[in-house]
Protein backbone atom coordinates (compact mmCIF):
# COMPACT_ATOMS: atom_id res chain seq x y z
CA MET A 1 56.44 -28.67 -27.19
CA ARG A 2 54.76 -27.16 -30.23
CA THR A 3 54.65 -29.50 -33.20
CA ALA A 4 53.82 -28.80 -36.83
CA TYR A 5 52.81 -31.12 -39.67
CA SER A 6 52.84 -30.82 -43.44
CA VAL A 7 49.72 -30.17 -45.48
CA GLN A 8 49.75 -33.74 -46.81
CA THR A 9 49.83 -35.18 -43.29
CA VAL A 10 47.11 -32.83 -42.05
CA ARG A 11 44.86 -33.67 -44.99
CA ALA A 12 45.26 -37.41 -44.35
CA ALA A 13 44.48 -36.96 -40.66
CA GLU A 14 41.39 -34.89 -41.46
CA ARG A 15 40.09 -37.55 -43.86
CA ALA A 16 40.56 -40.25 -41.24
CA LEU A 17 38.74 -38.21 -38.61
CA MET A 18 35.89 -37.12 -40.90
CA ALA A 19 35.22 -40.77 -41.78
CA ARG A 20 34.14 -41.31 -38.16
CA LEU A 21 32.21 -38.07 -37.65
CA PRO A 22 28.83 -36.83 -38.91
CA GLU A 23 29.07 -34.78 -42.09
CA GLY A 24 30.18 -31.22 -41.39
CA ALA A 25 31.11 -31.87 -37.76
CA LEU A 26 34.80 -31.09 -38.26
CA MET A 27 34.06 -27.73 -39.87
CA GLN A 28 31.67 -26.88 -37.05
CA ARG A 29 34.39 -27.61 -34.48
CA ALA A 30 36.77 -25.31 -36.33
CA ALA A 31 34.13 -22.60 -36.71
CA ALA A 32 33.28 -22.72 -33.01
CA GLY A 33 36.93 -22.22 -32.05
CA LEU A 34 37.35 -19.44 -34.60
CA ALA A 35 34.22 -17.65 -33.39
CA ALA A 36 35.40 -17.85 -29.77
CA ALA A 37 38.78 -16.37 -30.71
CA CYS A 38 37.13 -13.57 -32.68
CA ALA A 39 34.80 -12.84 -29.78
CA ASP A 40 37.83 -12.52 -27.49
CA VAL A 41 39.33 -9.93 -29.85
CA LEU A 42 36.07 -7.99 -29.99
CA ARG A 43 35.65 -8.02 -26.19
CA ARG A 44 39.13 -6.58 -25.78
CA ARG A 45 38.05 -3.78 -28.13
CA GLY A 46 34.84 -3.14 -26.22
CA ARG A 47 32.02 -5.54 -27.09
CA VAL A 48 30.71 -8.34 -29.29
CA TYR A 49 27.10 -7.13 -29.47
CA GLY A 50 26.91 -4.37 -32.04
CA ALA A 51 30.45 -4.86 -33.31
CA ARG A 52 31.10 -4.61 -37.05
CA VAL A 53 32.80 -7.64 -38.59
CA VAL A 54 33.94 -8.23 -42.17
CA LEU A 55 34.62 -11.73 -43.50
CA LEU A 56 36.93 -12.08 -46.51
CA VAL A 57 35.69 -15.36 -47.92
CA GLY A 58 37.37 -17.55 -50.52
CA SER A 59 36.09 -20.68 -52.23
CA GLY A 60 37.66 -23.34 -49.99
CA ASP A 61 37.01 -24.80 -46.58
CA ASN A 62 38.66 -21.79 -44.90
CA GLY A 63 35.90 -19.69 -46.39
CA GLY A 64 33.35 -22.12 -44.95
CA ASP A 65 35.00 -21.88 -41.52
CA ALA A 66 34.79 -18.09 -41.71
CA LEU A 67 31.13 -18.12 -42.76
CA TYR A 68 30.04 -20.50 -40.00
CA ALA A 69 32.05 -18.51 -37.45
CA GLY A 70 30.45 -15.33 -38.76
CA ALA A 71 27.01 -16.91 -38.24
CA ARG A 72 27.89 -17.61 -34.61
CA LEU A 73 29.02 -14.01 -34.10
CA ALA A 74 25.87 -12.71 -35.77
CA ARG A 75 23.74 -14.76 -33.38
CA ARG A 76 25.56 -13.01 -30.53
CA GLY A 77 24.52 -9.62 -31.89
CA ALA A 78 27.50 -8.67 -34.04
CA GLY A 79 26.91 -7.14 -37.44
CA VAL A 80 28.61 -9.44 -39.95
CA ARG A 81 29.15 -8.84 -43.65
CA ALA A 82 30.87 -11.25 -46.00
CA VAL A 83 32.89 -10.17 -49.02
CA LEU A 84 33.06 -13.15 -51.40
CA THR A 85 36.14 -13.37 -53.60
CA SER A 86 34.46 -16.10 -55.70
CA PRO A 87 30.68 -15.64 -55.24
CA ASP A 88 29.72 -18.61 -57.39
CA ARG A 89 31.99 -20.96 -55.40
CA ALA A 90 31.34 -19.86 -51.82
CA HIS A 91 30.61 -22.62 -49.31
CA GLU A 92 26.84 -23.14 -49.63
CA GLY A 93 26.14 -24.37 -46.11
CA GLY A 94 28.25 -21.67 -44.49
CA LEU A 95 26.71 -18.90 -46.57
CA ALA A 96 23.19 -20.12 -45.79
CA ALA A 97 24.01 -20.21 -42.07
CA LEU A 98 25.36 -16.66 -42.14
CA LEU A 99 22.31 -15.29 -43.95
CA ALA A 100 19.94 -17.15 -41.63
CA ALA A 101 21.70 -15.59 -38.61
CA GLY A 102 21.23 -12.08 -39.98
CA GLY A 103 24.56 -11.63 -41.74
CA ARG A 104 24.78 -10.09 -45.18
CA VAL A 105 26.85 -10.33 -48.34
CA ALA A 106 28.65 -7.15 -49.37
CA GLU A 107 30.84 -6.15 -52.28
CA GLY A 108 34.24 -4.54 -52.26
CA ALA A 109 36.12 -2.62 -49.62
CA ASP A 110 33.13 -0.47 -48.59
CA ALA A 111 31.38 -3.41 -46.91
CA TRP A 112 30.43 -1.20 -43.95
CA GLY A 113 31.17 2.21 -45.37
CA GLY A 114 32.72 3.28 -42.09
CA HIS A 115 34.22 1.94 -38.88
CA ILE A 116 35.12 -1.77 -38.74
CA ASP A 117 35.94 -3.68 -35.53
CA LEU A 118 37.34 -6.89 -36.99
CA VAL A 119 38.40 -8.42 -40.31
CA VAL A 120 38.51 -12.20 -40.72
CA ASP A 121 40.76 -13.62 -43.45
CA GLY A 122 39.25 -16.79 -44.94
CA ILE A 123 40.48 -16.29 -48.50
CA THR A 124 42.76 -19.29 -48.99
CA GLY A 125 43.63 -22.32 -46.91
CA ILE A 126 46.63 -24.53 -46.33
CA GLY A 127 46.51 -25.67 -49.93
CA GLY A 128 46.96 -22.15 -51.34
CA ARG A 129 49.96 -21.56 -53.58
CA GLY A 130 51.66 -18.61 -55.21
CA GLY A 131 50.49 -15.67 -53.11
CA LEU A 132 47.23 -13.74 -53.32
CA ARG A 133 45.53 -13.19 -56.66
CA PRO A 134 45.34 -9.52 -57.71
CA GLY A 135 41.68 -9.03 -56.76
CA ALA A 136 42.13 -10.60 -53.34
CA ALA A 137 45.34 -8.65 -52.75
CA GLU A 138 43.53 -5.40 -53.50
CA LEU A 139 40.80 -6.28 -50.99
CA VAL A 140 43.35 -7.14 -48.31
CA ARG A 141 45.20 -3.86 -48.82
CA ALA A 142 41.96 -1.89 -48.58
CA PHE A 143 40.83 -3.51 -45.34
CA ALA A 144 44.32 -3.36 -43.83
CA ALA A 145 44.18 0.40 -44.36
CA THR A 146 41.17 0.63 -42.01
CA GLY A 147 43.36 -0.28 -39.04
CA ALA A 148 40.94 -2.97 -37.85
CA PRO A 149 42.55 -6.06 -36.31
CA LEU A 150 42.76 -8.98 -38.70
CA VAL A 151 42.37 -12.63 -37.68
CA ALA A 152 43.55 -15.25 -40.16
CA VAL A 153 41.77 -18.59 -40.50
CA ASP A 154 44.27 -21.48 -40.17
CA LEU A 155 47.10 -19.42 -41.67
CA PRO A 156 47.44 -16.02 -43.38
CA SER A 157 46.28 -16.20 -46.97
CA GLY A 158 49.13 -16.06 -49.47
CA VAL A 159 51.82 -17.78 -47.39
CA GLU A 160 53.08 -21.30 -48.03
CA ALA A 161 51.95 -23.66 -45.27
CA ASP A 162 54.72 -26.23 -45.68
CA THR A 163 57.74 -23.99 -46.16
CA GLY A 164 57.09 -20.62 -44.56
CA GLU A 165 57.78 -18.92 -47.89
CA VAL A 166 55.87 -15.83 -49.03
CA PRO A 167 56.03 -15.97 -52.83
CA GLY A 168 53.83 -12.93 -53.48
CA GLU A 169 51.41 -10.63 -51.70
CA ALA A 170 50.04 -12.11 -48.49
CA VAL A 171 47.92 -11.22 -45.50
CA ARG A 172 49.64 -9.75 -42.44
CA ALA A 173 47.51 -10.91 -39.52
CA ASP A 174 47.34 -9.69 -35.95
CA ALA A 175 46.39 -13.21 -34.90
CA THR A 176 45.99 -16.60 -36.54
CA VAL A 177 43.57 -19.27 -35.37
CA THR A 178 44.82 -22.63 -36.60
CA PHE A 179 43.06 -25.98 -36.34
CA GLY A 180 44.22 -29.39 -35.15
CA THR A 181 47.96 -28.72 -35.28
CA TYR A 182 50.42 -26.02 -36.21
CA LYS A 183 51.62 -25.82 -39.78
CA PRO A 184 55.34 -25.25 -40.50
CA GLY A 185 54.68 -21.88 -42.10
CA LEU A 186 53.25 -20.57 -38.84
CA LEU A 187 56.58 -21.16 -37.07
CA VAL A 188 59.13 -20.31 -39.78
CA ASP A 189 59.86 -16.84 -41.18
CA PRO A 190 59.12 -15.03 -43.35
CA ALA A 191 55.57 -16.45 -43.09
CA ALA A 192 55.61 -16.69 -39.28
CA GLU A 193 56.17 -12.95 -39.04
CA ARG A 194 52.84 -12.46 -40.82
CA ALA A 195 50.87 -14.78 -38.52
CA GLY A 196 50.76 -12.62 -35.41
CA ALA A 197 49.67 -14.25 -32.17
CA LEU A 198 48.92 -17.96 -32.60
CA ARG A 199 45.90 -19.78 -31.18
CA LEU A 200 45.54 -23.53 -31.66
CA VAL A 201 42.00 -24.96 -31.67
CA ASP A 202 41.69 -28.63 -30.79
CA ILE A 203 39.35 -30.31 -33.28
CA GLY A 204 40.25 -33.87 -32.30
CA LEU A 205 42.98 -34.35 -34.89
CA GLY A 206 45.69 -35.44 -32.45
CA PRO A 207 45.08 -39.22 -32.50
CA GLU A 208 45.21 -39.22 -36.30
CA LEU A 209 48.60 -37.50 -36.54
CA PRO A 210 51.91 -39.40 -36.70
CA ASP A 211 54.10 -39.51 -33.60
CA VAL A 212 56.94 -37.74 -35.43
CA PRO A 213 56.12 -34.22 -36.69
CA ASP A 214 57.80 -32.27 -39.48
CA LEU A 215 58.76 -29.40 -37.21
CA GLU A 216 58.93 -28.82 -33.47
CA ALA A 217 59.53 -25.88 -31.17
CA LEU A 218 60.88 -26.56 -27.69
CA GLN A 219 59.25 -24.84 -24.73
CA TYR A 220 60.79 -24.08 -21.32
CA ALA A 221 60.10 -27.53 -19.86
CA ASP A 222 61.61 -29.25 -22.89
CA VAL A 223 64.82 -27.24 -22.62
CA ALA A 224 64.97 -27.68 -18.84
CA ALA A 225 64.94 -31.45 -19.33
CA LEU A 226 68.01 -31.16 -21.60
CA LEU A 227 70.19 -28.88 -19.51
CA PRO A 228 73.05 -30.57 -17.63
CA VAL A 229 73.18 -30.13 -13.86
CA PRO A 230 76.36 -31.12 -12.00
CA GLY A 231 76.06 -33.84 -9.39
CA ALA A 232 77.66 -34.07 -5.98
CA GLU A 233 80.74 -35.82 -7.39
CA SER A 234 81.15 -33.63 -10.46
CA ASP A 235 84.46 -31.91 -11.15
CA LYS A 236 85.45 -29.51 -13.91
CA TYR A 237 86.34 -32.36 -16.25
CA ARG A 238 83.09 -34.25 -15.69
CA ARG A 239 81.15 -31.05 -16.34
CA GLY A 240 82.85 -30.74 -19.71
CA VAL A 241 85.89 -28.99 -21.09
CA VAL A 242 85.34 -27.00 -24.26
CA GLY A 243 88.13 -25.77 -26.52
CA ILE A 244 87.76 -22.38 -28.23
CA VAL A 245 89.71 -21.39 -31.35
CA ALA A 246 88.67 -17.81 -31.98
CA GLY A 247 89.88 -14.25 -32.41
CA SER A 248 92.63 -12.55 -34.40
CA ALA A 249 94.53 -9.27 -34.45
CA ARG A 250 91.59 -7.74 -36.31
CA TYR A 251 88.85 -9.33 -34.17
CA PRO A 252 90.25 -9.87 -30.67
CA GLY A 253 86.82 -9.42 -29.12
CA ALA A 254 85.51 -12.56 -30.80
CA ALA A 255 87.75 -14.63 -28.57
CA VAL A 256 86.47 -12.91 -25.41
CA LEU A 257 82.84 -13.26 -26.44
CA ALA A 258 83.08 -16.94 -27.40
CA VAL A 259 84.84 -17.74 -24.13
CA SER A 260 82.22 -15.70 -22.23
CA GLY A 261 79.42 -17.73 -23.80
CA ALA A 262 81.16 -21.00 -22.95
CA LEU A 263 81.83 -20.08 -19.32
CA ARG A 264 78.30 -18.74 -18.76
CA GLY A 265 76.93 -21.81 -20.52
CA GLY A 266 78.15 -24.14 -17.80
CA ALA A 267 81.49 -25.45 -19.06
CA GLY A 268 83.61 -26.94 -16.32
CA ALA A 269 86.67 -25.44 -18.00
CA VAL A 270 87.52 -23.57 -21.19
CA ARG A 271 90.74 -24.06 -23.14
CA TYR A 272 91.52 -21.14 -25.42
CA VAL A 273 93.84 -21.34 -28.44
CA GLY A 274 94.59 -18.24 -30.48
CA PRO A 275 96.21 -14.82 -30.56
CA GLY A 276 93.74 -13.28 -28.12
CA ALA A 277 95.07 -14.94 -24.97
CA ASP A 278 95.93 -11.68 -23.20
CA ALA A 279 92.47 -10.22 -23.80
CA VAL A 280 90.79 -13.46 -22.75
CA ILE A 281 92.80 -13.78 -19.52
CA ALA A 282 92.20 -10.13 -18.68
CA ARG A 283 88.45 -10.73 -18.84
CA HIS A 284 88.30 -14.37 -17.73
CA PRO A 285 91.35 -15.37 -15.66
CA GLU A 286 89.98 -18.88 -15.14
CA THR A 287 90.52 -19.69 -18.85
CA LEU A 288 93.24 -22.19 -19.77
CA VAL A 289 95.26 -20.73 -22.66
CA HIS A 290 97.61 -22.37 -25.14
CA ALA A 291 99.66 -21.09 -28.06
CA GLY A 292 98.49 -23.93 -30.30
CA PRO A 293 97.97 -25.91 -32.35
CA PRO A 294 94.61 -27.00 -30.94
CA SER A 295 95.58 -30.68 -30.95
CA LYS A 296 98.35 -29.88 -28.45
CA ALA A 297 96.22 -27.78 -26.09
CA GLY A 298 95.04 -30.64 -23.89
CA ARG A 299 91.95 -32.81 -23.46
CA VAL A 300 88.57 -31.37 -24.42
CA GLN A 301 85.12 -32.88 -24.93
CA ALA A 302 84.19 -30.44 -27.73
CA TRP A 303 85.77 -27.75 -29.91
CA VAL A 304 84.41 -24.42 -31.14
CA VAL A 305 86.31 -22.96 -34.08
CA GLY A 306 85.86 -19.94 -36.30
CA PRO A 307 84.66 -16.74 -34.59
CA GLY A 308 86.90 -13.91 -35.75
CA ILE A 309 89.86 -16.09 -36.83
CA GLY A 310 90.21 -14.44 -40.24
CA ASP A 311 91.12 -16.24 -43.45
CA GLY A 312 94.90 -16.61 -43.32
CA ALA A 313 97.01 -19.76 -43.48
CA GLU A 314 97.16 -20.07 -39.68
CA ALA A 315 93.39 -19.85 -39.43
CA ALA A 316 92.92 -22.49 -42.13
CA GLU A 317 95.35 -24.81 -40.37
CA GLY A 318 93.46 -24.33 -37.09
CA VAL A 319 90.20 -25.38 -38.74
CA ARG A 320 91.82 -28.46 -40.28
CA ASP A 321 93.40 -29.41 -36.95
CA VAL A 322 90.10 -29.12 -35.09
CA LEU A 323 88.16 -31.08 -37.69
CA ALA A 324 90.67 -33.91 -37.30
CA ALA A 325 89.75 -34.25 -33.61
CA ASP A 326 87.61 -37.18 -32.54
CA VAL A 327 85.22 -35.03 -30.48
CA ALA A 328 82.20 -32.90 -31.31
CA VAL A 329 83.12 -29.76 -33.26
CA LEU A 330 81.13 -26.56 -33.78
CA VAL A 331 82.16 -24.41 -36.75
CA ASP A 332 81.07 -20.77 -36.96
CA ALA A 333 81.79 -17.52 -38.77
CA ASP A 334 85.23 -17.44 -40.48
CA GLY A 335 85.58 -21.18 -39.90
CA LEU A 336 82.65 -21.77 -42.26
CA ARG A 337 84.52 -20.03 -45.08
CA LEU A 338 87.53 -22.26 -44.50
CA LEU A 339 85.63 -25.54 -44.42
CA ASP A 340 86.52 -28.45 -46.61
CA ALA A 341 83.20 -30.15 -47.28
CA GLY A 342 84.83 -33.52 -47.77
CA ALA A 343 86.59 -33.31 -44.43
CA VAL A 344 83.32 -32.51 -42.68
CA ARG A 345 81.46 -35.37 -44.35
CA ALA A 346 84.26 -37.78 -43.49
CA ARG A 347 84.15 -37.05 -39.77
CA THR A 348 82.88 -39.79 -37.46
CA ALA A 349 82.39 -37.45 -34.47
CA PRO A 350 79.50 -34.95 -34.54
CA THR A 351 79.79 -31.64 -36.41
CA VAL A 352 77.61 -28.58 -35.86
CA LEU A 353 77.58 -25.70 -38.36
CA THR A 354 76.10 -22.35 -37.27
CA PRO A 355 75.75 -20.06 -40.31
CA HIS A 356 73.65 -16.95 -40.74
CA ALA A 357 71.81 -16.51 -44.05
CA GLY A 358 74.79 -15.04 -45.90
CA GLU A 359 77.13 -17.79 -44.79
CA ALA A 360 74.54 -20.44 -45.59
CA ALA A 361 74.14 -18.97 -49.06
CA ALA A 362 77.90 -19.18 -49.63
CA LEU A 363 77.99 -22.81 -48.47
CA LEU A 364 75.11 -23.70 -50.80
CA GLY A 365 76.29 -21.58 -53.72
CA VAL A 366 73.06 -19.56 -53.93
CA ALA A 367 72.00 -15.96 -53.33
CA ARG A 368 71.38 -14.80 -49.76
CA GLU A 369 67.84 -13.83 -50.76
CA GLU A 370 67.11 -17.42 -51.71
CA VAL A 371 68.08 -18.63 -48.24
CA GLU A 372 66.06 -15.91 -46.51
CA ALA A 373 62.99 -16.70 -48.61
CA GLY A 374 63.24 -20.47 -48.09
CA ARG A 375 64.87 -20.97 -44.70
CA LEU A 376 63.43 -24.43 -44.10
CA ALA A 377 64.64 -25.80 -47.42
CA ALA A 378 68.07 -24.20 -46.91
CA VAL A 379 68.73 -25.68 -43.47
CA ARG A 380 67.64 -29.14 -44.60
CA GLU A 381 69.85 -28.97 -47.69
CA LEU A 382 72.87 -27.81 -45.70
CA ALA A 383 72.49 -30.60 -43.15
CA ALA A 384 72.18 -33.21 -45.88
CA ARG A 385 75.05 -31.85 -47.97
CA TYR A 386 77.53 -31.63 -45.08
CA ARG A 387 76.22 -34.61 -43.06
CA ALA A 388 76.09 -32.33 -40.06
CA THR A 389 73.74 -30.70 -37.61
CA VAL A 390 73.05 -27.17 -38.86
CA LEU A 391 71.86 -24.23 -36.78
CA LEU A 392 70.67 -21.57 -39.23
CA LYS A 393 70.62 -18.26 -37.40
CA GLY A 394 68.04 -15.62 -38.14
CA SER A 395 64.71 -14.18 -37.08
CA THR A 396 63.63 -17.76 -36.53
CA THR A 397 66.61 -19.98 -35.77
CA LEU A 398 66.30 -23.47 -37.27
CA VAL A 399 68.15 -26.65 -36.29
CA ALA A 400 68.29 -29.59 -38.71
CA THR A 401 70.16 -32.88 -38.87
CA ASP A 402 71.15 -34.94 -41.89
CA ASP A 403 68.42 -37.47 -41.05
CA PRO A 404 65.38 -36.49 -43.18
CA ASP A 405 63.06 -38.27 -40.74
CA THR A 406 64.17 -36.15 -37.77
CA PRO A 407 62.00 -33.05 -37.24
CA VAL A 408 63.56 -29.65 -37.80
CA ARG A 409 63.50 -27.58 -34.63
CA VAL A 410 62.58 -23.90 -34.60
CA ASN A 411 63.59 -21.61 -31.75
CA PRO A 412 60.80 -19.33 -30.48
CA THR A 413 62.83 -17.11 -28.11
CA GLY A 414 64.74 -14.85 -30.50
CA THR A 415 64.57 -11.09 -30.43
CA SER A 416 65.63 -8.49 -32.99
CA TRP A 417 68.05 -7.04 -30.42
CA LEU A 418 70.27 -10.06 -31.12
CA ALA A 419 71.13 -8.45 -34.46
CA THR A 420 74.32 -7.00 -33.01
CA ALA A 421 78.01 -7.63 -33.59
CA GLY A 422 79.38 -10.55 -31.60
CA SER A 423 76.13 -12.15 -30.50
CA GLY A 424 76.85 -15.15 -32.73
CA ASP A 425 80.22 -15.60 -31.01
CA VAL A 426 78.42 -15.85 -27.67
CA LEU A 427 76.01 -18.41 -29.11
CA SER A 428 78.92 -20.50 -30.40
CA GLY A 429 80.60 -20.63 -27.01
CA LEU A 430 77.34 -21.36 -25.23
CA THR A 431 76.44 -24.19 -27.61
CA GLY A 432 79.97 -25.56 -27.44
CA SER A 433 79.76 -25.78 -23.67
CA LEU A 434 76.57 -27.85 -23.96
CA LEU A 435 78.27 -30.15 -26.47
CA ALA A 436 81.16 -30.61 -24.05
CA ALA A 437 78.70 -31.44 -21.28
CA GLY A 438 77.49 -34.38 -23.36
CA LEU A 439 74.34 -33.11 -25.06
CA ALA A 440 73.62 -34.54 -28.49
CA PRO A 441 74.36 -32.02 -31.26
CA ARG A 442 70.70 -31.35 -32.04
CA ASP A 443 69.88 -30.85 -28.37
CA ALA A 444 72.92 -28.66 -27.72
CA ALA A 445 72.09 -26.44 -30.69
CA SER A 446 68.40 -26.22 -29.74
CA ALA A 447 69.05 -25.49 -26.06
CA GLY A 448 71.83 -23.04 -26.93
CA ALA A 449 69.60 -21.05 -29.27
CA HIS A 450 66.78 -21.06 -26.72
CA LEU A 451 68.98 -19.79 -23.87
CA HIS A 452 70.66 -17.26 -26.17
CA GLY A 453 67.32 -15.73 -27.10
CA LEU A 454 66.13 -15.58 -23.51
CA ALA A 455 69.41 -14.00 -22.42
CA ALA A 456 69.00 -11.28 -25.04
CA ARG A 457 65.51 -10.53 -23.73
CA HIS A 458 66.90 -10.25 -20.20
CA ALA A 459 69.76 -8.05 -21.33
CA SER A 460 67.76 -5.73 -23.56
CA ASP A 461 64.45 -5.26 -21.73
CA GLY A 462 63.29 -3.52 -24.89
CA SER A 463 66.43 -1.40 -25.30
CA PRO A 464 69.66 -1.78 -27.32
CA VAL A 465 71.96 -4.53 -26.13
CA ALA A 466 75.61 -5.51 -26.71
CA ALA A 467 76.88 -9.06 -27.16
CA GLN A 468 78.73 -9.10 -23.82
CA ASP A 469 75.46 -8.12 -22.12
CA VAL A 470 73.85 -11.19 -23.66
CA ALA A 471 76.65 -13.40 -22.36
CA GLU A 472 76.28 -11.96 -18.85
CA ALA A 473 72.53 -12.69 -18.92
CA ILE A 474 72.85 -16.39 -19.78
CA PRO A 475 72.60 -17.50 -16.11
CA ALA A 476 69.32 -15.57 -15.80
CA ALA A 477 68.00 -17.35 -18.90
CA TRP A 478 69.09 -20.68 -17.37
CA ARG A 479 67.13 -19.84 -14.21
CA ASP A 480 64.04 -18.93 -16.24
CA VAL A 481 64.06 -22.27 -18.02
CA ARG A 482 64.50 -24.27 -14.84
CA ALA A 483 62.05 -22.27 -12.71
């Protein structure tokens, strides 16, 4: 599992560790890891000896890390030139080390006046706020235009470490070398999209960090440990029965897709309620159908309501009926527009909401752009306001609960090919099946998002993909996780 901690927590851990180490030892550990990562990039491009490296150096510790790493590269035969954004405030020890190793200080974007093999971004650190200053932004644009790979120190300069927000101009890195632990902004878009490939350097910070992080990203083994596997005595009811309220005359396919996701997600049985029964049975004859209302359809362990149901009186009544059930409920799509916030907060059984950015914005009463710019804040606010588990869909899917001390989870498996009509319906059915199997809401949402992303990768293989293809690939994603 990848874990991320806030700037405040990282700073406290660093102070505790530095109190036990010789002066400068922590920076040297970071610089050694950074230099090794940069050397790897240079070797893939041909060589370290004779390579041309530019350091963009700010006034903080990130600048010191870059300078000490540059000194190590210079001692290995690389040509290293440092462009100082604040010459009078550059890290003295790091600058002296670079000059002693044969590196030089240069000015402006013509540091080499020709070909460059690597640019290292050490302009601002995890404490930076408000985007790049104009002079630094101009430098970054100039060196980005050279086409040289860019490695960011700890995180790309200009992004917000705690939130993943990008409030102004910021570095777009090919790779980021981060120290001690991941920072939330490295895992949450829009900042994560600017970080490139991530490399974590162990500087001994682990024992100083709290047991509970601010953010976590499940890996294959973590998801595998969550997935239900039927035992020898399992039957369809023990495996979990999920109810699906989806589809309408306008969106009959939503019913088929949600049921597909539930069946491929391992449900022992699926009960369908809605006007799409004929289409559902034609595609999935094993489905149990009922004319409604949902409360009369039979026993279920979880309900999914909302995909494609429209906004009429019958749809609204279906949402109210489902929310009155004493089982876990997942609300998606049209169901989110029909929600009564008070009814959700009053529920004693678990509720999972699965909005995309536009739906989240409507629930919060803000502009969509505000949600997209501050995804972490939005998912936390939604979970707190509705006293629910919230799965915020997007380029990085986030899962939050209404407990502020529970880490937000970020899903690392998404692909842009999931931006297709109906893929959210599949995710709803899949997650609903995991709820019916007995997974806690946070685990069901996290595992569902993980499997959904892997299924899309299987289905697309780099080419366009339809939602039904994603549903069909869920078993392959399940096998990947458990392999």
